[in-house]
Amino acid sequence: MLALTRKKDEAIVIGGEIKIRVLGIQGDKVKLGIEAPKECSIYREEIYLQVSQSNKAAVQEVDIDLMKLSELFNIK
C-alpha cells in the first residue's frame, strides 16, 4: 500500500485518468472528490463489499437451481 499525505485542494492521479482531490477536512473526516471516466465504477468500500457478497449469493442460488433442473430432466 502506498500512503500519501495531502492537504486541502491537493490531489493524486491514478493511471493518468483518475484524479482524487481532498476537498475538505473536518476533525477525523476527509471529503474527497473523484474524477474518473464514466465506465469506471466507484463505490465506498462497505457498499462494494455488500454488492460483492450479494453477487456471490446469487451465483450460489443459480448453481442450486441448475442442479435441481438437471435432476428434473435427468441430465447428467
C-alpha atoms as a PDB file:
ATOM      1  CA  MET A   1       0.000   0.000   0.000  1.00  0.00           C
ATOM      2  CA  LEU A   2       1.180   3.470  -0.849  1.00  0.00           C
ATOM      3  CA  ALA A   3       0.496   6.038   1.884  1.00  0.00           C
ATOM      4  CA  LEU A   4       0.444   9.705   0.854  1.00  0.00           C
ATOM      5  CA  THR A   5      -0.043  12.932   2.740  1.00  0.00           C
ATOM      6  CA  ARG A   6      -2.213  15.565   1.032  1.00  0.00           C
ATOM      7  CA  LYS A   7      -3.519  18.943   2.141  1.00  0.00           C
ATOM      8  CA  LYS A   8      -6.854  20.519   1.238  1.00  0.00           C
ATOM      9  CA  ASP A   9      -7.154  21.145  -2.526  1.00  0.00           C
ATOM     10  CA  GLU A  10      -4.230  18.814  -3.302  1.00  0.00           C
ATOM     11  CA  ALA A  11      -4.781  15.729  -5.447  1.00  0.00           C
ATOM     12  CA  ILE A  12      -3.318  12.437  -6.593  1.00  0.00           C
ATOM     13  CA  VAL A  13      -3.606  10.956 -10.091  1.00  0.00           C
ATOM     14  CA  ILE A  14      -4.019   7.240 -10.748  1.00  0.00           C
ATOM     15  CA  GLY A  15      -3.280   5.774 -14.156  1.00  0.00           C
ATOM     16  CA  GLY A  16      -3.440   9.160 -15.839  1.00  0.00           C
ATOM     17  CA  GLU A  17      -7.261   9.069 -15.862  1.00  0.00           C
ATOM     18  CA  ILE A  18      -8.404   9.081 -12.229  1.00  0.00           C
ATOM     19  CA  LYS A  19      -7.905  12.134 -10.032  1.00  0.00           C
ATOM     20  CA  ILE A  20      -8.667  12.159  -6.307  1.00  0.00           C
ATOM     21  CA  ARG A  21      -8.708  15.577  -4.644  1.00  0.00           C
ATOM     22  CA  VAL A  22      -9.009  16.484  -0.955  1.00  0.00           C
ATOM     23  CA  LEU A  23     -11.989  18.853  -0.828  1.00  0.00           C
ATOM     24  CA  GLY A  24     -12.108  19.377   2.897  1.00  0.00           C
ATOM     25  CA  ILE A  25     -11.051  18.136   6.307  1.00  0.00           C
ATOM     26  CA  GLN A  26     -13.237  18.347   9.414  1.00  0.00           C
ATOM     27  CA  GLY A  27     -11.948  16.594  12.515  1.00  0.00           C
ATOM     28  CA  ASP A  28     -11.316  12.957  11.622  1.00  0.00           C
ATOM     29  CA  LYS A  29     -13.301  13.113   8.347  1.00  0.00           C
ATOM     30  CA  VAL A  30     -11.876  13.833   4.923  1.00  0.00           C
ATOM     31  CA  LYS A  31     -14.086  14.842   1.986  1.00  0.00           C
ATOM     32  CA  LEU A  32     -12.744  13.574  -1.351  1.00  0.00           C
ATOM     33  CA  GLY A  33     -13.637  14.482  -4.909  1.00  0.00           C
ATOM     34  CA  ILE A  34     -13.067  11.843  -7.593  1.00  0.00           C
ATOM     35  CA  GLU A  35     -12.777  12.493 -11.323  1.00  0.00           C
ATOM     36  CA  ALA A  36     -12.825   9.289 -13.384  1.00  0.00           C
ATOM     37  CA  PRO A  37     -14.096   8.004 -16.734  1.00  0.00           C
ATOM     38  CA  LYS A  38     -17.824   7.170 -16.762  1.00  0.00           C
ATOM     39  CA  GLU A  39     -17.095   3.482 -17.358  1.00  0.00           C
ATOM     40  CA  CYS A  40     -15.147   3.342 -14.087  1.00  0.00           C
ATOM     41  CA  SER A  41     -17.375   2.253 -11.185  1.00  0.00           C
ATOM     42  CA  ILE A  42     -16.672   3.973  -7.877  1.00  0.00           C
ATOM     43  CA  TYR A  43     -18.074   2.614  -4.592  1.00  0.00           C
ATOM     44  CA  ARG A  44     -17.484   3.222  -0.922  1.00  0.00           C
ATOM     45  CA  GLU A  45     -15.768   0.096   0.395  1.00  0.00           C
ATOM     46  CA  GLU A  46     -18.694  -1.036   2.569  1.00  0.00           C
ATOM     47  CA  ILE A  47     -21.091  -0.773  -0.403  1.00  0.00           C
ATOM     48  CA  TYR A  48     -18.658  -2.629  -2.673  1.00  0.00           C
ATOM     49  CA  LEU A  49     -18.423  -5.474  -0.144  1.00  0.00           C
ATOM     50  CA  GLN A  50     -22.239  -5.709   0.119  1.00  0.00           C
ATOM     51  CA  VAL A  51     -22.619  -5.820  -3.678  1.00  0.00           C
ATOM     52  CA  SER A  52     -19.862  -8.423  -3.936  1.00  0.00           C
ATOM     53  CA  GLN A  53     -21.483 -10.641  -1.275  1.00  0.00           C
ATOM     54  CA  SER A  54     -24.894 -10.308  -2.950  1.00  0.00           C
ATOM     55  CA  ASN A  55     -23.403 -11.329  -6.291  1.00  0.00           C
ATOM     56  CA  LYS A  56     -21.746 -14.380  -4.732  1.00  0.00           C
ATOM     57  CA  ALA A  57     -25.025 -15.395  -3.057  1.00  0.00           C
ATOM     58  CA  ALA A  58     -26.913 -15.001  -6.346  1.00  0.00           C
ATOM     59  CA  VAL A  59     -24.421 -17.246  -8.161  1.00  0.00           C
ATOM     60  CA  GLN A  60     -24.765 -19.917  -5.465  1.00  0.00           C
ATOM     61  CA  GLU A  61     -28.573 -19.804  -5.787  1.00  0.00           C
ATOM     62  CA  VAL A  62     -28.294 -20.238  -9.563  1.00  0.00           C
ATOM     63  CA  ASP A  63     -25.976 -23.234  -9.123  1.00  0.00           C
ATOM     64  CA  ILE A  64     -28.500 -24.906  -6.799  1.00  0.00           C
ATOM     65  CA  ASP A  65     -31.379 -24.206  -9.181  1.00  0.00           C
ATOM     66  CA  LEU A  66     -29.404 -25.656 -12.095  1.00  0.00           C
ATOM     67  CA  MET A  67     -28.743 -28.806 -10.092  1.00  0.00           C
ATOM     68  CA  LYS A  68     -32.467 -29.195  -9.375  1.00  0.00           C
ATOM     69  CA  LEU A  69     -33.282 -28.525 -13.021  1.00  0.00           C
ATOM     70  CA  SER A  70     -30.799 -31.146 -14.220  1.00  0.00           C
ATOM     71  CA  GLU A  71     -32.317 -33.680 -11.804  1.00  0.00           C
ATOM     72  CA  LEU A  72     -35.810 -32.866 -13.061  1.00  0.00           C
ATOM     73  CA  PHE A  73     -34.799 -33.587 -16.652  1.00  0.00           C
ATOM     74  CA  ASN A  74     -32.400 -36.443 -15.759  1.00  0.00           C
ATOM     75  CA  ILE A  75     -29.424 -34.562 -17.183  1.00  0.00           C
ATOM     76  CA  LYS A  76     -26.034 -35.765 -16.039  1.00  0.00           C
END
